[in-house]
Structure formats: structure tokens, C-alpha cells
């Protein structure tokens, strides 16, 4: 009787189990659908429960080459940010794979950044089967909706099966995940797909039909997605154009002014930028260009790079209306001045106002390119002479002229100062760095003092650079990993950072080894120069209200450090050197640019006196 029960129970369990071949084809169908819809990158963090995902992704990268790039990062927190960086740079959805338990929790900071910054990051987590849930099994926790409302969609995948209907279903989950992630749009965001996997965990990946299961008909003839372009209502566009014609207008061009797809598509970027410049000319509206807007690469007089200085001056030109594209700018002074003056505000965004000052007069739910195109068309009959104008010799209108003159004066003051020889000043190194960077390079900046230095000393120019940062939540988590991820899409990248940010993500140096392995497999290895402004602590607090002579300030906020970053870099095989003067820094850059892989240039600076150093040049 006992033997009979054991045999019955054993047969029952074995009849429910999937075979290695079933498992491989089930997961293979999922990845095939992702690749069909344009997913090209997957980042793996090693783990047991995610074995089916990792092995099938590996096999896809091996079979299909450029259709799927596979990266490995042993640090889950860093891996998620690495994937975030690739997705930020490309606009495409990027998959990150982890095992069950606390591994998934390490993805949370990157998921939160992806949600606020609208980045299509797809988390694929392995999970223990239902029979092991809530019974004290090791590495088992409730992963259902683990990221709460910080993802655009959560999908729970049933345990694998070899039936055609199951594989069709897993393909549909892949489609739904991509619909929710909305890659290459202003609506993008993170998604979580959780897979229940029981033993056996090792899939059969050498089958010829590994990626064929459940494939829909018409695959060769029809695309997986077709996105329709929205149009601003003609009557609304006419009304807004008439209103702007009667007002003094400025434009806040923040991160997200240009479309996500425009970062790497240079023709599209130029087209969108020229539409914004035409809008500025037509409505006499200077473009106050945040460094993350990408507009400072255009030397047009309507592009204003010095709004932070102008907003804090007595010469501030009057304005009645602010049109804002993207998020608020890096410049706190600009946001505060607008809050005090309380002009009318027209916020143009495809999803939400992002107005933390609560001053939105009119919200226009569309993307910036659609908005400016519609308003240019609305005003074309009355002001056709403004359209199609040669941007190299524009007929500038009064407001643009006034802002442009103030911007030039600021640039000339900096050029006439001794900044090029100010060896102890952060801004001197940032100016030298931006002037030295090759065209088409990526400048990825950390938060805190780094992005503020870029805002202050990245003057507009006629040379295309891409500038990126994790400004969604302004954190220091995983910033180095994000920069290295984004750098995979550029021949030359500079990551500008402070010491605490670099210390917080020191494991990212291990990606030097991953890039070497990929290079050995035939992939290119980009040049990534980490410029470390090392003041041995949290110097930004020297400029914030917490500043004090009391002992708590140094203990709790300045937090002095004594880290030998050159030795730390060397332990990961990353070459490093120090530059104690602007002249030495220039030579170090010349040596590092074009060298494949990671390298570090450390610039030692004083921890105290930051405010005084900046005030001299502001």
C-alpha cells in the first residue's frame, strides 16, 4: 500500500514536470518574441534559479550575434544600472536577469530611477515554484509585485510547459511587457516579469527549434508593433500660437526635450533641434538649454547656456510666459526665480507635468517636437517669413537678442578670467575636459557637484556631444555602472564624478574584465575615461544650508574619506593616474582618449572652500 502510494505520488509529480527540452523551448519562445520586437541587449547576474533565462539568453547571443548582446555583471545592483545605461542611450528596452531572493531587491534603485526617468528596463527574475512559497525554503520570498507601483507592468509567468498554447502564451507576455515598457517613446518605463521555475533548471539549448515554439503567423511580413504619431488639435495650436505672439516668452529646455531615439540618431536629433530653433525664432523665445537637453551642441544665438547666471542677476530680462519641455533644469536658481516671479507656465509633456513648483497654467499632453511643429504650422500663414530661415544667419528678434547678449557676456567673462590656470578649481578641469572631448562623444556626469559644474561651464558650441546623467532621483547608486552601460553605444565616453559616487559603485570597475571577454569574442571595446574630482568627501554640502562650523557638519555631511582610488582601480586592472594641474590633466586626457576600456584620471581637490571657489566665477 505504501509502495503504491509512493508510486502514484511519484507518477503524479513527474507527469506535471517539464522536460529540459520543454523548458528550453518555453523560455526560447519568450526571447524570440523579445528579439522580434527589437530587444538587443540583456545583462545577466549569475544565479541558480534564473538558470533557464541566462542559458537561453546566452544561446540566443551565440546563435544570432548582433540580434542579442549579452553582458555579465556579478553585482546585481550594478548590473541593473548597467542595463539602465544601455537603455538610456539607445531608447530600446534592455533586459536584466537575476535569481530569486535578495538579488531582486538589489535591482530596486535602478528600477526606481528607470520609472522616474522613463527608461524601458525589463527585469526578468527567476523565482521558486509555488510549492516552495511561504514554507521556509531557502532563497525564497514573495516576489509578486516586488517593485510595487515603480513599474509600468508586472507579469507572473506560470511554470513552463511544452504545450503549444503555453508557448503562445509566453510570447504574448513578452509582447505585453514591451507594450508596457514603451521603448523609444516619451512613455517608456520599467517592467517586471517573474518566472516560476522548478527542477530541472538546466534547459536543453542545442535543439534546432529552440526559438520556434508558439511563433505567430505572418512573422516575416508584419512588424510586432506599429506606433502612431499623435497630433495636436489645430484649434488648440492656433489659440496657443496667438497667445504666445502677444507675450514675452522663454523656453525651459530640460532633459527629455529631444526624443529618446534622437540620442544616437544624429539626423533625427538635428531635425528636432532645428524645429526647436525655428520655434524660438518664430515666437522670439530664447531656449534656456539645460546641459541634458542636448541643445548646447548647437551654436545658434537662441540657445542660452548661461541661464543660471542670468536668472540670478539684476539684468534679468522680463518675461510673461514659460514654455517648459522635459523636466525642470539642473539650475536650482532658474527654478526658484521662476517660482518667485510666477509667470504663466505652459508645460509640454507626453505623460505628466513633473511640476514640483505647482505652477502649471496649461498642460499640453504631447511630445515637444509635435508641439513646436503644430505651432509653427499654426503661425505659418501670418508669419511665413520666419519659417525655413537660414539658422546660420538668423534675423533675431528682441527677446532672443537680449538673452543672447547676456549669454555672450557671461561666456566672455569666463574666457577672460584665469580659470585655465585655476588648478585648485573644479570648473577649470570641467572646462578643459569639454573643450578636449572629441565630437560625437558621450559625457556622462554624476550628480552633486559634477552635474552643477557641467551646467556652469559647458558653454554652447557647434560640436555635437551627448550629455547624460541619472537625474530622475539624483542618487549616487550605480552611477558608474550606468555610465559604463551607456558607453557601450559610443566610441568615446567620459564619466565625470566625485569620490563618494565612485566609492558607492566601486564594483563597476569589474566591468573592465567583462569588456575584455567581449572583445575576445569579437565585439568592440569602447574607450571610457573616468575623471574623478576627488575632494575626499561630500563637498557639495559646503554649498547647502547644512553648512556649519559645528562638529556635526564634518561628521555627518562632509564625511572626509581617505581612499586610494588609484590602487583600487589597479586591483581591477584599470590603469589610473593623478593630475594635479590643468596642464597635467590635459596631457592625461590626450593619453587616455581612444584607449580601449576603462581608465581613471584622479584630480585631487580641497574638501572645504567650494562655495568661495565657485563664487569667484559665477
Foldseek 3Di string as FASTA:
>chain_A
DVVVVVVVVVVVVVVPDADLALLLQLLLQLVLLLLLQPAAEEEEADDQLQQSNVVSLVLCCVVPPRSHDYFYANQLLLRLLLQQLQQLQALDEYEYEDEAACSVVSNQVSQLLQQLLQGEYEYEYGAAAPVCEPPPDPRHDDPFCVNPPSFQEEAEQHETDNDLVSSLVSSVVSLVSCVSQVGQFLNGHYYYYYYHYDPPRNHDNPDPCSNPRNDDPPSVPDRSDDDDADADDLVVLLVVLVVLLVWFEEEEQAAQQATSNCSQVVVSVVVLLVLVVLLCQSSVYAYAYAQQSQNLLAPFLSYFLAVLVLLPDPLNDDTQEYEYADAGHPRPSNLVSCLVVLHAYEYEGQPDRNDPSPRHPHYHNHHNSSSSVSNCVSCCVVPVVSPPDDRVDDPHDDNSVSSSVVRVVLVVLLVPDPLCFPLQAPLNLLLLVLVPDAAPEEEEEAAQVGSVSCSNRVGRHNGGYRYHYSPSPSDLRNGLSSQLSNQLSGQEYEYEYEDVSCVNPVSSLLCLVRLVVVVVVPGFFHQYEYEYAYQQFQLSVLVPPLDDPDPCCCVPHRPGHDDDVQVSSVVSVAHEDEDSTSVSSSVVCVVRPSDGGYHYYYYYHHSPDNVVSVVVSD
